[in-house]
Amino acid sequence: MLNDEICKLREELNESIIKGKDYKITYKLSVELDELIAKYYKNNKMSNKINEKTKQKNKIRLIK
């Protein structure tokens, strides 16, 4: 879902650059894209932490 939003916004940004649209529009799209990418990495990082904790719990269960 977030990936789709990133791809769509990236396309809009690229189109804005290619067509030479007003700098304010291009800048706004760029900032929005940066925010979505940051959100993606934050979510991914949290997901990795949760997966790591689950793996650790499963190891403890196997040892007992």
PDB file of N, CA and C in Angstrom:
ATOM      1  N   MET A   1       0.818  -1.187   0.000  1.00  0.00           N
ATOM      2  CA  MET A   1       0.000   0.000   0.000  1.00  0.00           C
ATOM      3  C   MET A   1       0.868   1.258   0.000  1.00  0.00           C
ATOM      4  N   LEU A   2       1.776   1.340   0.942  1.00  0.00           N
ATOM      5  CA  LEU A   2       2.677   2.486   0.996  1.00  0.00           C
ATOM      6  C   LEU A   2       3.589   2.493  -0.226  1.00  0.00           C
ATOM      7  N   ASN A   3       3.972   1.302  -0.667  1.00  0.00           N
ATOM      8  CA  ASN A   3       4.798   1.206  -1.877  1.00  0.00           C
ATOM      9  C   ASN A   3       4.086   1.805  -3.082  1.00  0.00           C
ATOM     10  N   ASP A   4       2.793   1.525  -3.190  1.00  0.00           N
ATOM     11  CA  ASP A   4       2.008   2.063  -4.307  1.00  0.00           C
ATOM     12  C   ASP A   4       1.953   3.578  -4.269  1.00  0.00           C
ATOM     13  N   GLU A   5       1.777   4.122  -3.069  1.00  0.00           N
ATOM     14  CA  GLU A   5       1.732   5.577  -2.924  1.00  0.00           C
ATOM     15  C   GLU A   5       3.076   6.203  -3.317  1.00  0.00           C
ATOM     16  N   ILE A   6       4.155   5.553  -2.915  1.00  0.00           N
ATOM     17  CA  ILE A   6       5.496   6.042  -3.244  1.00  0.00           C
ATOM     18  C   ILE A   6       5.712   6.025  -4.753  1.00  0.00           C
ATOM     19  N   CYS A   7       5.338   4.930  -5.389  1.00  0.00           N
ATOM     20  CA  CYS A   7       5.503   4.823  -6.844  1.00  0.00           C
ATOM     21  C   CYS A   7       4.685   5.876  -7.584  1.00  0.00           C
ATOM     22  N   LYS A   8       3.448   6.079  -7.145  1.00  0.00           N
ATOM     23  CA  LYS A   8       2.584   7.057  -7.794  1.00  0.00           C
ATOM     24  C   LYS A   8       3.159   8.465  -7.648  1.00  0.00           C
ATOM     25  N   LEU A   9       3.596   8.801  -6.451  1.00  0.00           N
ATOM     26  CA  LEU A   9       4.144  10.134  -6.209  1.00  0.00           C
ATOM     27  C   LEU A   9       5.470  10.329  -6.948  1.00  0.00           C
ATOM     28  N   ARG A  10       6.258   9.268  -7.042  1.00  0.00           N
ATOM     29  CA  ARG A  10       7.519   9.350  -7.791  1.00  0.00           C
ATOM     30  C   ARG A  10       7.244   9.652  -9.260  1.00  0.00           C
ATOM     31  N   GLU A  11       6.217   9.007  -9.807  1.00  0.00           N
ATOM     32  CA  GLU A  11       5.836   9.260 -11.195  1.00  0.00           C
ATOM     33  C   GLU A  11       5.392  10.714 -11.387  1.00  0.00           C
ATOM     34  N   GLU A  12       4.590  11.209 -10.438  1.00  0.00           N
ATOM     35  CA  GLU A  12       4.146  12.602 -10.509  1.00  0.00           C
ATOM     36  C   GLU A  12       5.337  13.560 -10.445  1.00  0.00           C
ATOM     37  N   LEU A  13       6.273  13.267  -9.565  1.00  0.00           N
ATOM     38  CA  LEU A  13       7.459  14.110  -9.433  1.00  0.00           C
ATOM     39  C   LEU A  13       8.278  14.097 -10.722  1.00  0.00           C
ATOM     40  N   ASN A  14       8.511  12.920 -11.262  1.00  0.00           N
ATOM     41  CA  ASN A  14       9.271  12.820 -12.506  1.00  0.00           C
ATOM     42  C   ASN A  14       8.591  13.578 -13.647  1.00  0.00           C
ATOM     43  N   GLU A  15       7.276  13.443 -13.716  1.00  0.00           N
ATOM     44  CA  GLU A  15       6.523  14.150 -14.755  1.00  0.00           C
ATOM     45  C   GLU A  15       6.644  15.665 -14.574  1.00  0.00           C
ATOM     46  N   SER A  16       6.587  16.096 -13.342  1.00  0.00           N
ATOM     47  CA  SER A  16       6.711  17.515 -13.039  1.00  0.00           C
ATOM     48  C   SER A  16       8.070  18.055 -13.482  1.00  0.00           C
ATOM     49  N   ILE A  17       9.100  17.268 -13.248  1.00  0.00           N
ATOM     50  CA  ILE A  17      10.461  17.674 -13.647  1.00  0.00           C
ATOM     51  C   ILE A  17      10.583  17.704 -15.165  1.00  0.00           C
ATOM     52  N   ILE A  18      10.123  16.638 -15.808  1.00  0.00           N
ATOM     53  CA  ILE A  18      10.238  16.531 -17.264  1.00  0.00           C
ATOM     54  C   ILE A  18       9.480  17.649 -17.968  1.00  0.00           C
ATOM     55  N   LYS A  19       8.287  17.957 -17.460  1.00  0.00           N
ATOM     56  CA  LYS A  19       7.462  18.981 -18.101  1.00  0.00           C
ATOM     57  C   LYS A  19       7.852  20.402 -17.689  1.00  0.00           C
ATOM     58  N   GLY A  20       8.803  20.507 -16.780  1.00  0.00           N
ATOM     59  CA  GLY A  20       9.266  21.823 -16.364  1.00  0.00           C
ATOM     60  C   GLY A  20       8.219  22.632 -15.624  1.00  0.00           C
ATOM     61  N   LYS A  21       7.418  21.935 -14.817  1.00  0.00           N
ATOM     62  CA  LYS A  21       6.380  22.632 -14.055  1.00  0.00           C
ATOM     63  C   LYS A  21       7.020  23.580 -13.036  1.00  0.00           C
ATOM     64  N   ASP A  22       6.185  24.440 -12.485  1.00  0.00           N
ATOM     65  CA  ASP A  22       6.642  25.419 -11.499  1.00  0.00           C
ATOM     66  C   ASP A  22       7.447  24.742 -10.392  1.00  0.00           C
ATOM     67  N   TYR A  23       8.509  25.398  -9.966  1.00  0.00           N
ATOM     68  CA  TYR A  23       9.402  24.845  -8.951  1.00  0.00           C
ATOM     69  C   TYR A  23       8.654  24.526  -7.661  1.00  0.00           C
ATOM     70  N   LYS A  24       7.695  25.344  -7.281  1.00  0.00           N
ATOM     71  CA  LYS A  24       6.948  25.125  -6.034  1.00  0.00           C
ATOM     72  C   LYS A  24       6.211  23.787  -6.071  1.00  0.00           C
ATOM     73  N   ILE A  25       5.665  23.447  -7.214  1.00  0.00           N
ATOM     74  CA  ILE A  25       4.953  22.169  -7.369  1.00  0.00           C
ATOM     75  C   ILE A  25       5.935  21.009  -7.253  1.00  0.00           C
ATOM     76  N   THR A  26       7.052  21.123  -7.967  1.00  0.00           N
ATOM     77  CA  THR A  26       8.072  20.068  -7.941  1.00  0.00           C
ATOM     78  C   THR A  26       8.625  19.894  -6.531  1.00  0.00           C
ATOM     79  N   TYR A  27       8.881  20.994  -5.870  1.00  0.00           N
ATOM     80  CA  TYR A  27       9.408  20.940  -4.506  1.00  0.00           C
ATOM     81  C   TYR A  27       8.408  20.279  -3.561  1.00  0.00           C
ATOM     82  N   LYS A  28       7.143  20.664  -3.677  1.00  0.00           N
ATOM     83  CA  LYS A  28       6.092  20.091  -2.828  1.00  0.00           C
ATOM     84  C   LYS A  28       6.010  18.577  -3.022  1.00  0.00           C
ATOM     85  N   LEU A  29       6.034  18.142  -4.274  1.00  0.00           N
ATOM     86  CA  LEU A  29       5.991  16.705  -4.554  1.00  0.00           C
ATOM     87  C   LEU A  29       7.220  15.994  -3.984  1.00  0.00           C
ATOM     88  N   SER A  30       8.361  16.629  -4.084  1.00  0.00           N
ATOM     89  CA  SER A  30       9.600  16.057  -3.567  1.00  0.00           C
ATOM     90  C   SER A  30       9.541  15.876  -2.054  1.00  0.00           C
ATOM     91  N   VAL A  31       9.040  16.882  -1.363  1.00  0.00           N
ATOM     92  CA  VAL A  31       8.920  16.805   0.097  1.00  0.00           C
ATOM     93  C   VAL A  31       7.932  15.712   0.494  1.00  0.00           C
ATOM     94  N   GLU A  32       6.809  15.635  -0.203  1.00  0.00           N
ATOM     95  CA  GLU A  32       5.811  14.592   0.080  1.00  0.00           C
ATOM     96  C   GLU A  32       6.406  13.199  -0.137  1.00  0.00           C
ATOM     97  N   LEU A  33       7.174  13.053  -1.202  1.00  0.00           N
ATOM     98  CA  LEU A  33       7.808  11.769  -1.485  1.00  0.00           C
ATOM     99  C   LEU A  33       8.812  11.417  -0.396  1.00  0.00           C
ATOM    100  N   ASP A  34       9.604  12.382   0.023  1.00  0.00           N
ATOM    101  CA  ASP A  34      10.561  12.146   1.112  1.00  0.00           C
ATOM    102  C   ASP A  34       9.856  11.676   2.379  1.00  0.00           C
ATOM    103  N   GLU A  35       8.725  12.292   2.685  1.00  0.00           N
ATOM    104  CA  GLU A  35       7.974  11.917   3.884  1.00  0.00           C
ATOM    105  C   GLU A  35       7.440  10.497   3.787  1.00  0.00           C
ATOM    106  N   LEU A  36       6.939  10.133   2.617  1.00  0.00           N
ATOM    107  CA  LEU A  36       6.431   8.764   2.432  1.00  0.00           C
ATOM    108  C   LEU A  36       7.555   7.737   2.539  1.00  0.00           C
ATOM    109  N   ILE A  37       8.703   8.060   1.967  1.00  0.00           N
ATOM    110  CA  ILE A  37       9.840   7.139   2.034  1.00  0.00           C
ATOM    111  C   ILE A  37      10.298   6.979   3.482  1.00  0.00           C
ATOM    112  N   ALA A  38      10.352   8.079   4.218  1.00  0.00           N
ATOM    113  CA  ALA A  38      10.735   8.009   5.638  1.00  0.00           C
ATOM    114  C   ALA A  38       9.747   7.145   6.413  1.00  0.00           C
ATOM    115  N   LYS A  39       8.467   7.314   6.120  1.00  0.00           N
ATOM    116  CA  LYS A  39       7.428   6.512   6.769  1.00  0.00           C
ATOM    117  C   LYS A  39       7.601   5.035   6.434  1.00  0.00           C
ATOM    118  N   TYR A  40       7.920   4.743   5.179  1.00  0.00           N
ATOM    119  CA  TYR A  40       8.143   3.363   4.748  1.00  0.00           C
ATOM    120  C   TYR A  40       9.293   2.735   5.542  1.00  0.00           C
ATOM    121  N   TYR A  41      10.415   3.449   5.629  1.00  0.00           N
ATOM    122  CA  TYR A  41      11.566   2.914   6.358  1.00  0.00           C
ATOM    123  C   TYR A  41      11.278   2.765   7.846  1.00  0.00           C
ATOM    124  N   LYS A  42      10.536   3.696   8.412  1.00  0.00           N
ATOM    125  CA  LYS A  42      10.180   3.606   9.824  1.00  0.00           C
ATOM    126  C   LYS A  42       9.319   2.371  10.065  1.00  0.00           C
ATOM    127  N   ASN A  43       8.311   2.169   9.219  1.00  0.00           N
ATOM    128  CA  ASN A  43       7.447   0.992   9.346  1.00  0.00           C
ATOM    129  C   ASN A  43       8.237  -0.296   9.168  1.00  0.00           C
ATOM    130  N   ASN A  44       9.146  -0.295   8.201  1.00  0.00           N
ATOM    131  CA  ASN A  44       9.957  -1.479   7.926  1.00  0.00           C
ATOM    132  C   ASN A  44      10.879  -1.783   9.100  1.00  0.00           C
ATOM    133  N   LYS A  45      11.443  -0.746   9.681  1.00  0.00           N
ATOM    134  CA  LYS A  45      12.338  -0.920  10.826  1.00  0.00           C
ATOM    135  C   LYS A  45      11.571  -1.491  12.010  1.00  0.00           C
ATOM    136  N   MET A  46      10.364  -0.968  12.253  1.00  0.00           N
ATOM    137  CA  MET A  46       9.539  -1.470  13.352  1.00  0.00           C
ATOM    138  C   MET A  46       9.157  -2.927  13.108  1.00  0.00           C
ATOM    139  N   SER A  47       8.824  -3.252  11.870  1.00  0.00           N
ATOM    140  CA  SER A  47       8.456  -4.615  11.521  1.00  0.00           C
ATOM    141  C   SER A  47       9.623  -5.565  11.765  1.00  0.00           C
ATOM    142  N   ASN A  48      10.824  -5.131  11.407  1.00  0.00           N
ATOM    143  CA  ASN A  48      12.009  -5.960  11.633  1.00  0.00           C
ATOM    144  C   ASN A  48      12.258  -6.188  13.115  1.00  0.00           C
ATOM    145  N   LYS A  49      12.033  -5.160  13.941  1.00  0.00           N
ATOM    146  CA  LYS A  49      12.210  -5.318  15.382  1.00  0.00           C
ATOM    147  C   LYS A  49      11.221  -6.324  15.947  1.00  0.00           C
ATOM    148  N   ILE A  50       9.969  -6.228  15.494  1.00  0.00           N
ATOM    149  CA  ILE A  50       8.939  -7.158  15.960  1.00  0.00           C
ATOM    150  C   ILE A  50       9.303  -8.582  15.550  1.00  0.00           C
ATOM    151  N   ASN A  51       9.751  -8.758  14.313  1.00  0.00           N
ATOM    152  CA  ASN A  51      10.139 -10.093  13.847  1.00  0.00           C
ATOM    153  C   ASN A  51      11.313 -10.632  14.651  1.00  0.00           C
ATOM    154  N   GLU A  52      12.253  -9.765  14.996  1.00  0.00           N
ATOM    155  CA  GLU A  52      13.423 -10.191  15.765  1.00  0.00           C
ATOM    156  C   GLU A  52      12.996 -10.629  17.170  1.00  0.00           C
ATOM    157  N   LYS A  53      12.077  -9.886  17.779  1.00  0.00           N
ATOM    158  CA  LYS A  53      11.586 -10.253  19.112  1.00  0.00           C
ATOM    159  C   LYS A  53      10.852 -11.585  19.065  1.00  0.00           C
ATOM    160  N   THR A  54      10.080 -11.811  18.028  1.00  0.00           N
ATOM    161  CA  THR A  54       9.352 -13.066  17.874  1.00  0.00           C
ATOM    162  C   THR A  54      10.331 -14.222  17.732  1.00  0.00           C
ATOM    163  N   LYS A  55      11.375 -14.023  16.939  1.00  0.00           N
ATOM    164  CA  LYS A  55      12.391 -15.071  16.784  1.00  0.00           C
ATOM    165  C   LYS A  55      13.046 -15.397  18.113  1.00  0.00           C
ATOM    166  N   GLN A  56      13.355 -14.362  18.901  1.00  0.00           N
ATOM    167  CA  GLN A  56      13.996 -14.579  20.199  1.00  0.00           C
ATOM    168  C   GLN A  56      13.069 -15.344  21.137  1.00  0.00           C
ATOM    169  N   LYS A  57      11.782 -14.994  21.148  1.00  0.00           N
ATOM    170  CA  LYS A  57      10.824 -15.703  21.995  1.00  0.00           C
ATOM    171  C   LYS A  57      10.719 -17.167  21.580  1.00  0.00           C
ATOM    172  N   ASN A  58      10.713 -17.415  20.284  1.00  0.00           N
ATOM    173  CA  ASN A  58      10.622 -18.792  19.798  1.00  0.00           C
ATOM    174  C   ASN A  58      11.862 -19.584  20.177  1.00  0.00           C
ATOM    175  N   LYS A  59      13.028 -18.956  20.158  1.00  0.00           N
ATOM    176  CA  LYS A  59      14.259 -19.650  20.570  1.00  0.00           C
ATOM    177  C   LYS A  59      14.170 -20.036  22.052  1.00  0.00           C
ATOM    178  N   ILE A  60      13.677 -19.111  22.868  1.00  0.00           N
ATOM    179  CA  ILE A  60      13.562 -19.385  24.307  1.00  0.00           C
ATOM    180  C   ILE A  60      12.599 -20.538  24.533  1.00  0.00           C
ATOM    181  N   ARG A  61      11.510 -20.589  23.817  1.00  0.00           N
ATOM    182  CA  ARG A  61      10.538 -21.680  23.957  1.00  0.00           C
ATOM    183  C   ARG A  61      11.154 -23.015  23.570  1.00  0.00           C
ATOM    184  N   LEU A  62      11.981 -23.018  22.526  1.00  0.00           N
ATOM    185  CA  LEU A  62      12.615 -24.253  22.094  1.00  0.00           C
ATOM    186  C   LEU A  62      13.649 -24.740  23.104  1.00  0.00           C
ATOM    187  N   ILE A  63      14.327 -23.840  23.761  1.00  0.00           N
ATOM    188  CA  ILE A  63      15.359 -24.208  24.726  1.00  0.00           C
ATOM    189  C   ILE A  63      14.728 -24.821  25.974  1.00  0.00           C
ATOM    190  N   LYS A  64      13.587 -24.283  26.408  1.00  0.00           N
ATOM    191  CA  LYS A  64      12.926 -24.809  27.618  1.00  0.00           C
ATOM    192  C   LYS A  64      12.409 -26.160  27.331  1.00  0.00           C
TER     193      LYS A  64
END
